[in-house]
Amino acid sequence: MRATIATVFTCVIAAFSATTASSQQLSPDQQEVWEFIESCQGRWGSEEWFDCFHEDFAGWLYTDLVPRTKDGERKFSRALFETTETRVQDLRPIAIRVHGDTAVAHYYLQTVVRGQDGQDIEERVRFTDVLIKENGLWRWIADHGGPVIVK
C-alpha cells in the first residue's frame, strides 16, 4: 500500500512540476503575437491567409533553394489550398521574443492533411517567424522552417 501511495505521489509531483513551452506564461506582448499566429494559422486554406504577410515578406522552407516573396507564397499556397485539406492541427509556442514593433516567434505545428488521393498524412513542422507591427497590426516579414524528420 505504501508503495502504491508513493508511486501515485511521485506521478502527481512529476506531472505538476513538468513545464512545457505551451504551458509557459506569456507576457501581454508575447500573447498578442501568439494570438496573431494562431489566428493566421487558422486562416490557412483561405484568401485571408495572405493578409498575414507583410508586402516585403521573404521566407523559406528547409527544402526551398531561395526565399519566397509574398507573391511567391501566394502562388504556392494557392496550389496547396486546391489539392489538400487540413483535417486537424495542433499549434504550440516554443519561444517568443518581442522588442517594440519587432517579434521573433519559434513554434511547432502538427497537422493531419488529406491529399488529393484521399490519404491522411501527419505532418510535423517547426517555424521561426519574424514579425513587425505597423499601424497596430502584426504581419509576417520573414520566416524559416519546415518538416521535422522523425526517425
Protein backbone atom coordinates (compact mmCIF):
# COMPACT_ATOMS: atom_id res chain seq x y z
CA MET A 1 0.00 0.00 0.00
CA ARG A 2 2.83 2.39 0.89
CA ALA A 3 4.49 1.67 -2.45
CA THR A 4 1.26 2.50 -4.28
CA ILE A 5 0.84 5.79 -2.42
CA ALA A 6 4.48 6.68 -3.04
CA THR A 7 4.11 5.91 -6.75
CA VAL A 8 0.94 7.99 -7.06
CA PHE A 9 2.55 10.86 -5.13
CA THR A 10 5.64 10.75 -7.36
CA CYS A 11 3.50 10.79 -10.52
CA VAL A 12 1.44 13.73 -9.28
CA ILE A 13 4.56 15.72 -8.35
CA ALA A 14 6.15 14.94 -11.72
CA ALA A 15 3.02 15.99 -13.59
CA PHE A 16 2.75 19.30 -11.79
CA SER A 17 6.45 20.13 -11.93
CA ALA A 18 6.89 19.48 -15.64
CA THR A 19 6.74 22.58 -17.78
CA THR A 20 6.35 22.68 -21.49
CA ALA A 21 6.62 25.61 -23.83
CA SER A 22 2.87 25.61 -24.35
CA SER A 23 2.24 25.97 -20.63
CA GLN A 24 4.64 28.87 -20.14
CA GLN A 25 3.18 32.15 -19.06
CA LEU A 26 3.31 34.61 -21.93
CA SER A 27 3.64 38.32 -21.30
CA PRO A 28 0.87 40.50 -22.76
CA ASP A 29 3.15 41.40 -25.71
CA GLN A 30 4.03 37.76 -26.33
CA GLN A 31 0.38 36.76 -26.02
CA GLU A 32 -0.57 39.34 -28.65
CA VAL A 33 1.99 37.90 -31.07
CA TRP A 34 0.88 34.35 -30.31
CA GLU A 35 -2.78 35.21 -30.88
CA PHE A 36 -1.82 36.67 -34.27
CA ILE A 37 0.00 33.46 -35.21
CA GLU A 38 -2.89 31.27 -34.04
CA SER A 39 -5.36 33.41 -35.97
CA CYS A 40 -3.27 33.30 -39.13
CA GLN A 41 -2.65 29.56 -38.96
CA GLY A 42 -6.41 29.17 -38.57
CA ARG A 43 -6.86 31.03 -41.88
CA TRP A 44 -4.76 28.51 -43.81
CA GLY A 45 -6.67 27.47 -46.88
CA SER A 46 -8.41 30.82 -47.40
CA GLU A 47 -7.50 34.07 -49.10
CA GLU A 48 -7.40 35.67 -45.63
CA TRP A 49 -4.16 33.73 -45.06
CA PHE A 50 -2.35 36.24 -47.26
CA ASP A 51 -3.42 39.19 -45.08
CA CYS A 52 -0.94 37.86 -42.51
CA PHE A 53 2.06 38.60 -44.74
CA HIS A 54 3.83 41.95 -44.97
CA GLU A 55 4.33 43.24 -48.52
CA ASP A 56 8.13 42.90 -48.06
CA PHE A 57 7.89 39.29 -46.85
CA ALA A 58 10.74 36.88 -47.62
CA GLY A 59 10.70 33.39 -46.16
CA TRP A 60 11.68 29.85 -46.94
CA LEU A 61 11.09 26.28 -46.04
CA TYR A 62 14.01 23.95 -45.38
CA THR A 63 13.56 22.48 -48.84
CA ASP A 64 13.47 25.81 -50.72
CA LEU A 65 16.64 26.84 -52.52
CA VAL A 66 15.87 30.55 -52.20
CA PRO A 67 13.40 32.59 -50.12
CA ARG A 68 9.88 33.26 -51.39
CA THR A 69 8.29 36.67 -51.62
CA LYS A 70 4.69 37.31 -50.60
CA ASP A 71 3.69 36.79 -54.23
CA GLY A 72 5.61 33.50 -54.38
CA GLU A 73 3.99 32.37 -51.15
CA ARG A 74 0.59 33.21 -52.63
CA LYS A 75 1.24 31.10 -55.76
CA PHE A 76 2.48 28.01 -53.93
CA SER A 77 -0.09 28.22 -51.15
CA ARG A 78 -3.00 28.54 -53.57
CA ALA A 79 -1.89 25.32 -55.26
CA LEU A 80 -1.87 23.60 -51.86
CA PHE A 81 -5.28 25.06 -50.99
CA GLU A 82 -6.70 23.40 -54.11
CA THR A 83 -5.11 20.00 -53.57
CA THR A 84 -5.10 19.43 -49.80
CA GLU A 85 -7.38 19.75 -46.79
CA THR A 86 -6.18 20.29 -43.23
CA ARG A 87 -8.15 17.88 -41.04
CA VAL A 88 -6.74 18.90 -37.64
CA GLN A 89 -3.88 20.99 -36.30
CA ASP A 90 -2.07 21.47 -33.01
CA LEU A 91 -0.03 24.64 -32.64
CA ARG A 92 2.42 25.19 -29.77
CA PRO A 93 4.64 28.15 -28.92
CA ILE A 94 8.27 27.34 -28.15
CA ALA A 95 9.76 30.80 -27.57
CA ILE A 96 8.54 34.31 -28.36
CA ARG A 97 10.60 37.49 -28.05
CA VAL A 98 9.09 40.93 -28.53
CA HIS A 99 11.13 44.13 -28.80
CA GLY A 100 8.93 47.09 -29.59
CA ASP A 101 7.37 46.59 -33.00
CA THR A 102 9.51 43.55 -33.84
CA ALA A 103 9.00 39.98 -32.70
CA VAL A 104 10.57 36.58 -33.24
CA ALA A 105 8.45 33.50 -32.61
CA HIS A 106 9.54 29.87 -32.61
CA TYR A 107 6.71 27.34 -32.69
CA TYR A 108 5.72 23.79 -33.53
CA LEU A 109 2.79 22.79 -35.73
CA GLN A 110 1.43 19.28 -36.07
CA THR A 111 -1.29 18.63 -38.64
CA VAL A 112 -3.17 15.87 -40.38
CA VAL A 113 -3.55 16.77 -44.05
CA ARG A 114 -5.69 14.95 -46.60
CA GLY A 115 -4.22 14.87 -50.10
CA GLN A 116 -5.88 14.50 -53.48
CA ASP A 117 -5.60 10.74 -53.16
CA GLY A 118 -7.80 10.84 -50.05
CA GLN A 119 -4.99 9.68 -47.79
CA ASP A 120 -4.35 11.43 -44.49
CA ILE A 121 -0.74 12.33 -43.73
CA GLU A 122 0.53 13.54 -40.39
CA GLU A 123 2.92 16.47 -40.70
CA ARG A 124 5.19 17.87 -38.01
CA VAL A 125 6.75 21.23 -38.76
CA ARG A 126 8.59 23.91 -36.85
CA PHE A 127 8.90 27.53 -37.75
CA THR A 128 10.75 30.65 -36.79
CA ASP A 129 8.79 33.75 -37.74
CA VAL A 130 9.95 37.36 -37.75
CA LEU A 131 7.07 39.79 -37.35
CA ILE A 132 6.71 43.54 -37.47
CA LYS A 133 3.89 45.67 -36.19
CA GLU A 134 2.68 48.51 -38.40
CA ASN A 135 -0.39 50.63 -37.74
CA GLY A 136 -1.19 48.40 -34.77
CA LEU A 137 -1.18 45.17 -36.80
CA TRP A 138 1.34 42.33 -36.72
CA ARG A 139 2.49 40.84 -40.03
CA TRP A 140 4.99 38.16 -41.01
CA ILE A 141 8.01 39.78 -42.65
CA ALA A 142 10.21 36.66 -42.69
CA ASP A 143 10.11 33.02 -41.72
CA HIS A 144 12.06 29.81 -41.92
CA GLY A 145 11.01 26.29 -41.14
CA GLY A 146 9.61 23.08 -42.38
CA PRO A 147 9.10 19.41 -41.69
CA VAL A 148 10.67 17.76 -38.68
CA ILE A 149 12.06 14.39 -39.67
CA VAL A 150 11.25 11.77 -37.04
CA LYS A 151 13.47 8.71 -37.25
